[in-house]
């Protein structure tokens, strides 16, 4: 089992680093939506008022 993990680590160690150039990732990536319940919003509002 550990030899499989070492093999995967060894392959990853010699792979080139991913690109940081914008043109290499031309597609639009949407962010996931975060939903806040009414109760959580009330709690956050109450905590904000304590300052």
PDB file of N, CA and C in Angstrom:
ATOM      1  N   UNK A   1       0.834  -1.190   0.000  1.00  0.00           N
ATOM      2  CA  UNK A   1       0.000   0.000   0.000  1.00  0.00           C
ATOM      3  C   UNK A   1       0.872   1.244   0.000  1.00  0.00           C
ATOM      4  N   UNK A   2       1.899   1.326   0.841  1.00  0.00           N
ATOM      5  CA  UNK A   2       2.732   2.527   0.894  1.00  0.00           C
ATOM      6  C   UNK A   2       3.575   2.678  -0.368  1.00  0.00           C
ATOM      7  N   UNK A   3       3.914   1.557  -1.040  1.00  0.00           N
ATOM      8  CA  UNK A   3       4.681   1.659  -2.277  1.00  0.00           C
ATOM      9  C   UNK A   3       3.855   2.324  -3.377  1.00  0.00           C
ATOM     10  N   UNK A   4       2.523   2.122  -3.362  1.00  0.00           N
ATOM     11  CA  UNK A   4       1.655   2.792  -4.323  1.00  0.00           C
ATOM     12  C   UNK A   4       1.638   4.295  -4.077  1.00  0.00           C
ATOM     13  N   UNK A   5       1.612   4.675  -2.828  1.00  0.00           N
ATOM     14  CA  UNK A   5       1.617   6.096  -2.471  1.00  0.00           C
ATOM     15  C   UNK A   5       2.959   6.725  -2.867  1.00  0.00           C
ATOM     16  N   UNK A   6       4.046   6.032  -2.616  1.00  0.00           N
ATOM     17  CA  UNK A   6       5.361   6.565  -2.977  1.00  0.00           C
ATOM     18  C   UNK A   6       5.502   6.705  -4.490  1.00  0.00           C
ATOM     19  N   UNK A   7       4.941   5.772  -5.233  1.00  0.00           N
ATOM     20  CA  UNK A   7       4.985   5.846  -6.686  1.00  0.00           C
ATOM     21  C   UNK A   7       4.235   7.080  -7.186  1.00  0.00           C
ATOM     22  N   UNK A   8       3.085   7.337  -6.611  1.00  0.00           N
ATOM     23  CA  UNK A   8       2.288   8.513  -6.998  1.00  0.00           C
ATOM     24  C   UNK A   8       3.020   9.801  -6.633  1.00  0.00           C
ATOM     25  N   UNK A   9       3.640   9.840  -5.486  1.00  0.00           N
ATOM     26  CA  UNK A   9       4.400  11.014  -5.052  1.00  0.00           C
ATOM     27  C   UNK A   9       5.603  11.233  -5.965  1.00  0.00           C
ATOM     28  N   UNK A  10       6.276  10.163  -6.340  1.00  0.00           N
ATOM     29  CA  UNK A  10       7.438  10.276  -7.217  1.00  0.00           C
ATOM     30  C   UNK A  10       7.043  10.819  -8.589  1.00  0.00           C
ATOM     31  N   UNK A  11       5.901  10.372  -9.129  1.00  0.00           N
ATOM     32  CA  UNK A  11       5.433  10.899 -10.419  1.00  0.00           C
ATOM     33  C   UNK A  11       5.062  12.368 -10.302  1.00  0.00           C
ATOM     34  N   UNK A  12       4.424  12.746  -9.216  1.00  0.00           N
ATOM     35  CA  UNK A  12       4.021  14.144  -9.024  1.00  0.00           C
ATOM     36  C   UNK A  12       5.237  15.049  -8.854  1.00  0.00           C
ATOM     37  N   UNK A  13       6.293  14.541  -8.275  1.00  0.00           N
ATOM     38  CA  UNK A  13       7.480  15.359  -8.017  1.00  0.00           C
ATOM     39  C   UNK A  13       8.203  15.761  -9.301  1.00  0.00           C
ATOM     40  N   UNK A  14       8.076  14.972 -10.351  1.00  0.00           N
ATOM     41  CA  UNK A  14       8.786  15.289 -11.597  1.00  0.00           C
ATOM     42  C   UNK A  14       7.891  15.955 -12.635  1.00  0.00           C
ATOM     43  N   UNK A  15       6.613  16.130 -12.329  1.00  0.00           N
ATOM     44  CA  UNK A  15       5.706  16.830 -13.242  1.00  0.00           C
ATOM     45  C   UNK A  15       6.013  18.324 -13.232  1.00  0.00           C
ATOM     46  N   UNK A  16       5.846  18.999 -14.365  1.00  0.00           N
ATOM     47  CA  UNK A  16       6.062  20.448 -14.378  1.00  0.00           C
ATOM     48  C   UNK A  16       4.972  21.170 -13.584  1.00  0.00           C
ATOM     49  N   UNK A  17       5.289  22.348 -13.114  1.00  0.00           N
ATOM     50  CA  UNK A  17       4.323  23.149 -12.358  1.00  0.00           C
ATOM     51  C   UNK A  17       3.205  23.615 -13.288  1.00  0.00           C
ATOM     52  N   UNK A  18       1.995  23.794 -12.767  1.00  0.00           N
ATOM     53  CA  UNK A  18       0.907  24.291 -13.609  1.00  0.00           C
ATOM     54  C   UNK A  18       1.153  25.741 -14.022  1.00  0.00           C
ATOM     55  N   UNK A  19       0.589  26.111 -15.149  1.00  0.00           N
ATOM     56  CA  UNK A  19       0.765  27.466 -15.674  1.00  0.00           C
ATOM     57  C   UNK A  19       0.044  28.491 -14.804  1.00  0.00           C
ATOM     58  N   UNK A  20       0.584  29.690 -14.738  1.00  0.00           N
ATOM     59  CA  UNK A  20      -0.080  30.788 -14.034  1.00  0.00           C
ATOM     60  C   UNK A  20      -0.562  31.854 -15.019  1.00  0.00           C
ATOM     61  N   UNK A  21      -0.479  31.560 -16.308  1.00  0.00           N
ATOM     62  CA  UNK A  21      -0.871  32.522 -17.327  1.00  0.00           C
ATOM     63  C   UNK A  21      -2.363  32.436 -17.609  1.00  0.00           C
ATOM     64  N   UNK A  22      -3.018  33.599 -17.674  1.00  0.00           N
ATOM     65  CA  UNK A  22      -4.458  33.666 -17.880  1.00  0.00           C
ATOM     66  C   UNK A  22      -4.877  32.992 -19.185  1.00  0.00           C
ATOM     67  N   UNK A  23      -4.121  33.199 -20.244  1.00  0.00           N
ATOM     68  CA  UNK A  23      -4.501  32.651 -21.550  1.00  0.00           C
ATOM     69  C   UNK A  23      -4.494  31.125 -21.572  1.00  0.00           C
ATOM     70  N   UNK A  24      -3.868  30.493 -20.610  1.00  0.00           N
ATOM     71  CA  UNK A  24      -3.879  29.041 -20.530  1.00  0.00           C
ATOM     72  C   UNK A  24      -5.173  28.503 -19.917  1.00  0.00           C
ATOM     73  N   UNK A  25      -5.983  29.387 -19.360  1.00  0.00           N
ATOM     74  CA  UNK A  25      -7.265  29.015 -18.752  1.00  0.00           C
ATOM     75  C   UNK A  25      -8.353  29.944 -19.282  1.00  0.00           C
ATOM     76  N   UNK A  26      -8.748  29.795 -20.548  1.00  0.00           N
ATOM     77  CA  UNK A  26      -9.644  30.769 -21.174  1.00  0.00           C
ATOM     78  C   UNK A  26     -11.116  30.666 -20.753  1.00  0.00           C
ATOM     79  N   UNK A  27     -11.504  29.630 -20.092  1.00  0.00           N
ATOM     80  CA  UNK A  27     -12.925  29.479 -19.768  1.00  0.00           C
ATOM     81  C   UNK A  27     -13.295  30.263 -18.508  1.00  0.00           C
ATOM     82  N   UNK A  28     -14.552  30.624 -18.453  1.00  0.00           N
ATOM     83  CA  UNK A  28     -15.091  31.337 -17.293  1.00  0.00           C
ATOM     84  C   UNK A  28     -15.423  30.306 -16.213  1.00  0.00           C
ATOM     85  N   UNK A  29     -14.935  30.506 -15.015  1.00  0.00           N
ATOM     86  CA  UNK A  29     -15.198  29.593 -13.914  1.00  0.00           C
ATOM     87  C   UNK A  29     -16.124  30.300 -12.932  1.00  0.00           C
ATOM     88  N   UNK A  30     -17.298  29.716 -12.716  1.00  0.00           N
ATOM     89  CA  UNK A  30     -18.266  30.321 -11.814  1.00  0.00           C
ATOM     90  C   UNK A  30     -17.981  29.909 -10.373  1.00  0.00           C
ATOM     91  N   UNK A  31     -18.152  30.841  -9.487  1.00  0.00           N
ATOM     92  CA  UNK A  31     -17.977  30.545  -8.067  1.00  0.00           C
ATOM     93  C   UNK A  31     -19.236  29.863  -7.541  1.00  0.00           C
ATOM     94  N   UNK A  32     -19.051  29.022  -6.556  1.00  0.00           N
ATOM     95  CA  UNK A  32     -20.208  28.354  -5.976  1.00  0.00           C
ATOM     96  C   UNK A  32     -21.002  29.354  -5.139  1.00  0.00           C
ATOM     97  N   UNK A  33     -22.278  29.095  -5.031  1.00  0.00           N
ATOM     98  CA  UNK A  33     -23.158  29.994  -4.301  1.00  0.00           C
ATOM     99  C   UNK A  33     -23.155  29.626  -2.817  1.00  0.00           C
ATOM    100  N   UNK A  34     -23.098  30.646  -1.971  1.00  0.00           N
ATOM    101  CA  UNK A  34     -23.143  30.428  -0.528  1.00  0.00           C
ATOM    102  C   UNK A  34     -24.482  30.956  -0.038  1.00  0.00           C
ATOM    103  N   UNK A  35     -25.229  30.108   0.602  1.00  0.00           N
ATOM    104  CA  UNK A  35     -26.535  30.518   1.117  1.00  0.00           C
ATOM    105  C   UNK A  35     -26.438  30.749   2.624  1.00  0.00           C
ATOM    106  N   UNK A  36     -27.057  31.828   3.062  1.00  0.00           N
ATOM    107  CA  UNK A  36     -27.065  32.177   4.484  1.00  0.00           C
ATOM    108  C   UNK A  36     -28.515  32.150   4.944  1.00  0.00           C
ATOM    109  N   UNK A  37     -28.794  31.359   5.951  1.00  0.00           N
ATOM    110  CA  UNK A  37     -30.159  31.278   6.453  1.00  0.00           C
ATOM    111  C   UNK A  37     -30.518  32.574   7.185  1.00  0.00           C
ATOM    112  N   UNK A  38     -31.800  32.803   7.352  1.00  0.00           N
ATOM    113  CA  UNK A  38     -32.264  33.997   8.058  1.00  0.00           C
ATOM    114  C   UNK A  38     -31.756  33.995   9.504  1.00  0.00           C
ATOM    115  N   UNK A  39     -31.734  32.842  10.127  1.00  0.00           N
ATOM    116  CA  UNK A  39     -31.263  32.752  11.514  1.00  0.00           C
ATOM    117  C   UNK A  39     -29.775  33.113  11.604  1.00  0.00           C
ATOM    118  N   UNK A  40     -28.977  32.633  10.653  1.00  0.00           N
ATOM    119  CA  UNK A  40     -27.552  32.955  10.660  1.00  0.00           C
ATOM    120  C   UNK A  40     -27.342  34.443  10.409  1.00  0.00           C
ATOM    121  N   UNK A  41     -28.144  35.030   9.537  1.00  0.00           N
ATOM    122  CA  UNK A  41     -28.040  36.467   9.269  1.00  0.00           C
ATOM    123  C   UNK A  41     -28.391  37.277  10.508  1.00  0.00           C
ATOM    124  N   UNK A  42     -29.430  36.863  11.226  1.00  0.00           N
ATOM    125  CA  UNK A  42     -29.800  37.564  12.467  1.00  0.00           C
ATOM    126  C   UNK A  42     -28.700  37.450  13.511  1.00  0.00           C
ATOM    127  N   UNK A  43     -28.132  36.273  13.646  1.00  0.00           N
ATOM    128  CA  UNK A  43     -27.057  36.061  14.604  1.00  0.00           C
ATOM    129  C   UNK A  43     -25.846  36.918  14.255  1.00  0.00           C
ATOM    130  N   UNK A  44     -25.468  36.955  12.985  1.00  0.00           N
ATOM    131  CA  UNK A  44     -24.338  37.774  12.559  1.00  0.00           C
ATOM    132  C   UNK A  44     -24.617  39.255  12.817  1.00  0.00           C
ATOM    133  N   UNK A  45     -25.841  39.682  12.537  1.00  0.00           N
ATOM    134  CA  UNK A  45     -26.219  41.078  12.794  1.00  0.00           C
ATOM    135  C   UNK A  45     -26.147  41.410  14.275  1.00  0.00           C
ATOM    136  N   UNK A  46     -26.592  40.493  15.116  1.00  0.00           N
ATOM    137  CA  UNK A  46     -26.550  40.717  16.556  1.00  0.00           C
ATOM    138  C   UNK A  46     -25.102  40.773  17.044  1.00  0.00           C
ATOM    139  N   UNK A  47     -24.250  39.926  16.524  1.00  0.00           N
ATOM    140  CA  UNK A  47     -22.839  39.945  16.932  1.00  0.00           C
ATOM    141  C   UNK A  47     -22.155  41.221  16.458  1.00  0.00           C
ATOM    142  N   UNK A  48     -22.531  41.708  15.287  1.00  0.00           N
ATOM    143  CA  UNK A  48     -21.944  42.938  14.762  1.00  0.00           C
ATOM    144  C   UNK A  48     -22.320  44.134  15.631  1.00  0.00           C
ATOM    145  N   UNK A  49     -23.535  44.115  16.189  1.00  0.00           N
ATOM    146  CA  UNK A  49     -24.006  45.214  17.017  1.00  0.00           C
ATOM    147  C   UNK A  49     -23.309  45.258  18.381  1.00  0.00           C
ATOM    148  N   UNK A  50     -22.670  44.161  18.777  1.00  0.00           N
ATOM    149  CA  UNK A  50     -22.004  44.109  20.079  1.00  0.00           C
ATOM    150  C   UNK A  50     -20.736  44.954  20.114  1.00  0.00           C
ATOM    151  N   UNK A  51     -20.156  45.249  18.957  1.00  0.00           N
ATOM    152  CA  UNK A  51     -18.902  46.018  18.936  1.00  0.00           C
ATOM    153  C   UNK A  51     -19.070  47.419  19.374  1.00  0.00           C
TER     154      UNK A  51
END
